[in-house]
Amino acid sequence: MSMFRQRITNHRKIFFNYTRDIVCFSCKQDLHDSYTVSGNRGKTRCVPCAVKFHIIDEIPKEIEGEV
């Protein structure tokens, strides 16, 4: 089973993080084994925070039930 991955811009991507121990830049939630939105300068956020801060417009339909 392949995980959902989407490139938004050159610096922003949505991907499933299953290896790195990183935390959300905004809410400090652990992002291990969850969908993550990467940004430039190491600002990685959870998907709900990325929607809240208008980094992405909405949660993609492919991962809507898993976030």
N, C-alpha and C. Protein backbone atom coordinates (compact mmCIF):
# COMPACT_ATOMS: atom_id res chain seq x y z
N MET A 1 0.84 -1.18 0.00
CA MET A 1 0.00 0.00 0.00
C MET A 1 0.88 1.24 0.00
N SER A 2 0.69 2.11 -0.95
CA SER A 2 1.48 3.33 -1.00
C SER A 2 0.76 4.44 -0.24
N MET A 3 1.54 5.24 0.43
CA MET A 3 0.99 6.35 1.20
C MET A 3 0.77 7.54 0.27
N PHE A 4 -0.18 8.37 0.63
CA PHE A 4 -0.50 9.57 -0.14
C PHE A 4 0.63 10.58 0.01
N ARG A 5 1.04 11.17 -1.10
CA ARG A 5 2.05 12.23 -1.09
C ARG A 5 1.66 13.24 -2.17
N GLN A 6 1.72 14.51 -1.81
CA GLN A 6 1.34 15.55 -2.75
C GLN A 6 2.30 16.73 -2.60
N ARG A 7 2.82 17.18 -3.72
CA ARG A 7 3.67 18.37 -3.73
C ARG A 7 2.78 19.58 -3.96
N ILE A 8 2.87 20.58 -3.08
CA ILE A 8 2.07 21.79 -3.21
C ILE A 8 2.88 22.85 -3.95
N THR A 9 4.08 23.14 -3.47
CA THR A 9 5.02 24.03 -4.15
C THR A 9 6.39 23.36 -4.08
N ASN A 10 7.42 24.05 -4.47
CA ASN A 10 8.76 23.46 -4.39
C ASN A 10 9.18 23.18 -2.95
N HIS A 11 8.67 23.95 -2.01
CA HIS A 11 9.09 23.79 -0.61
C HIS A 11 8.03 23.13 0.27
N ARG A 12 6.83 22.97 -0.21
CA ARG A 12 5.76 22.41 0.62
C ARG A 12 5.26 21.10 0.05
N LYS A 13 5.14 20.10 0.95
CA LYS A 13 4.63 18.80 0.56
C LYS A 13 3.76 18.25 1.68
N ILE A 14 2.80 17.42 1.31
CA ILE A 14 2.04 16.65 2.28
C ILE A 14 2.53 15.22 2.15
N PHE A 15 2.91 14.60 3.25
CA PHE A 15 3.40 13.23 3.22
C PHE A 15 3.11 12.54 4.54
N PHE A 16 3.22 11.20 4.53
CA PHE A 16 3.03 10.43 5.76
C PHE A 16 4.39 10.24 6.41
N ASN A 17 4.54 10.71 7.63
CA ASN A 17 5.80 10.61 8.36
C ASN A 17 5.79 9.34 9.20
N TYR A 18 6.59 8.38 8.82
CA TYR A 18 6.65 7.15 9.61
C TYR A 18 8.05 6.86 10.13
N THR A 19 9.00 7.76 9.92
CA THR A 19 10.36 7.49 10.39
C THR A 19 10.92 8.56 11.32
N ARG A 20 10.72 9.84 11.01
CA ARG A 20 11.36 10.91 11.78
C ARG A 20 10.56 11.31 13.01
N ASP A 21 11.25 11.67 14.05
CA ASP A 21 10.62 12.21 15.26
C ASP A 21 10.60 13.73 15.14
N ILE A 22 9.50 14.28 14.68
CA ILE A 22 9.36 15.72 14.53
C ILE A 22 8.07 16.16 15.20
N VAL A 23 8.00 17.43 15.53
CA VAL A 23 6.81 17.99 16.16
C VAL A 23 6.26 19.11 15.30
N CYS A 24 4.98 19.40 15.47
CA CYS A 24 4.33 20.47 14.73
C CYS A 24 4.90 21.81 15.21
N PHE A 25 5.22 22.68 14.28
CA PHE A 25 5.78 23.99 14.61
C PHE A 25 4.78 24.85 15.37
N SER A 26 3.48 24.65 15.12
CA SER A 26 2.45 25.50 15.72
C SER A 26 1.93 24.96 17.05
N CYS A 27 1.51 23.68 17.07
CA CYS A 27 0.86 23.15 18.28
C CYS A 27 1.73 22.18 19.07
N LYS A 28 2.94 21.92 18.59
CA LYS A 28 3.92 21.05 19.27
C LYS A 28 3.45 19.61 19.41
N GLN A 29 2.54 19.15 18.57
CA GLN A 29 2.07 17.77 18.58
C GLN A 29 3.11 16.87 17.92
N ASP A 30 3.30 15.66 18.44
CA ASP A 30 4.22 14.70 17.85
C ASP A 30 3.66 14.24 16.50
N LEU A 31 4.46 14.27 15.44
CA LEU A 31 3.99 13.95 14.10
C LEU A 31 4.47 12.59 13.61
N HIS A 32 4.94 11.75 14.51
CA HIS A 32 5.36 10.40 14.12
C HIS A 32 4.11 9.58 13.78
N ASP A 33 4.14 8.86 12.66
CA ASP A 33 3.02 8.05 12.16
C ASP A 33 1.78 8.88 11.89
N SER A 34 1.94 10.02 11.26
CA SER A 34 0.80 10.85 10.89
C SER A 34 1.14 11.64 9.62
N TYR A 35 0.10 12.21 9.01
CA TYR A 35 0.32 13.05 7.83
C TYR A 35 0.87 14.39 8.25
N THR A 36 1.79 14.90 7.46
CA THR A 36 2.59 16.06 7.80
C THR A 36 2.66 17.00 6.61
N VAL A 37 2.70 18.30 6.87
CA VAL A 37 2.91 19.29 5.82
C VAL A 37 4.26 19.93 6.09
N SER A 38 5.20 19.71 5.16
CA SER A 38 6.53 20.29 5.34
C SER A 38 6.56 21.67 4.71
N GLY A 39 7.36 22.52 5.28
CA GLY A 39 7.51 23.87 4.76
C GLY A 39 8.97 24.25 4.69
N ASN A 40 9.25 25.42 4.18
CA ASN A 40 10.63 25.85 4.12
C ASN A 40 11.12 26.27 5.51
N ARG A 41 12.41 26.30 5.66
CA ARG A 41 13.06 26.65 6.93
C ARG A 41 12.72 25.69 8.06
N GLY A 42 12.38 24.46 7.76
CA GLY A 42 12.14 23.46 8.78
C GLY A 42 10.83 23.61 9.54
N LYS A 43 9.91 24.41 9.04
CA LYS A 43 8.63 24.59 9.71
C LYS A 43 7.66 23.51 9.23
N THR A 44 7.60 22.42 9.98
CA THR A 44 6.74 21.30 9.66
C THR A 44 5.51 21.36 10.54
N ARG A 45 4.34 21.17 9.95
CA ARG A 45 3.09 21.29 10.70
C ARG A 45 2.20 20.08 10.48
N CYS A 46 1.29 19.85 11.42
CA CYS A 46 0.26 18.85 11.22
C CYS A 46 -0.75 19.41 10.21
N VAL A 47 -1.55 18.54 9.62
CA VAL A 47 -2.49 18.97 8.58
C VAL A 47 -3.54 19.93 9.13
N PRO A 48 -4.13 19.70 10.31
CA PRO A 48 -5.10 20.69 10.82
C PRO A 48 -4.51 22.08 11.03
N CYS A 49 -3.27 22.18 11.51
CA CYS A 49 -2.65 23.49 11.69
C CYS A 49 -2.33 24.13 10.34
N ALA A 50 -1.97 23.33 9.35
CA ALA A 50 -1.70 23.87 8.02
C ALA A 50 -2.96 24.47 7.41
N VAL A 51 -4.10 23.86 7.65
CA VAL A 51 -5.36 24.43 7.17
C VAL A 51 -5.70 25.69 7.98
N LYS A 52 -5.49 25.63 9.28
CA LYS A 52 -5.81 26.75 10.15
C LYS A 52 -5.01 28.00 9.81
N PHE A 53 -3.73 27.83 9.44
CA PHE A 53 -2.86 28.95 9.12
C PHE A 53 -2.78 29.22 7.61
N HIS A 54 -3.71 28.66 6.84
CA HIS A 54 -3.85 28.90 5.40
C HIS A 54 -2.62 28.52 4.59
N ILE A 55 -1.93 27.47 5.01
CA ILE A 55 -0.80 26.96 4.23
C ILE A 55 -1.34 26.06 3.11
N ILE A 56 -2.36 25.29 3.43
CA ILE A 56 -3.11 24.55 2.41
C ILE A 56 -4.56 24.99 2.52
N ASP A 57 -5.30 24.89 1.42
CA ASP A 57 -6.68 25.37 1.41
C ASP A 57 -7.62 24.45 2.16
N GLU A 58 -7.45 23.14 2.00
CA GLU A 58 -8.32 22.17 2.66
C GLU A 58 -7.59 20.85 2.77
N ILE A 59 -8.13 19.96 3.59
CA ILE A 59 -7.55 18.63 3.74
C ILE A 59 -7.87 17.85 2.47
N PRO A 60 -6.86 17.24 1.84
CA PRO A 60 -7.11 16.47 0.62
C PRO A 60 -8.10 15.33 0.87
N LYS A 61 -8.92 15.03 -0.10
CA LYS A 61 -9.95 13.99 0.02
C LYS A 61 -9.34 12.63 0.32
N GLU A 62 -8.13 12.36 -0.19
CA GLU A 62 -7.48 11.05 -0.01
C GLU A 62 -7.15 10.74 1.44
N ILE A 63 -6.94 11.77 2.26
CA ILE A 63 -6.54 11.55 3.66
C ILE A 63 -7.55 12.10 4.65
N GLU A 64 -8.70 12.50 4.19
CA GLU A 64 -9.68 13.19 5.03
C GLU A 64 -10.07 12.37 6.28
N GLY A 65 -10.27 11.07 6.15
CA GLY A 65 -10.67 10.26 7.29
C GLY A 65 -9.53 9.86 8.20
N GLU A 66 -8.29 10.04 7.77
CA GLU A 66 -7.15 9.61 8.53
C GLU A 66 -6.50 10.71 9.35
N VAL A 67 -6.97 11.95 9.21
CA VAL A 67 -6.35 13.08 9.92
C VAL A 67 -7.11 13.37 11.19
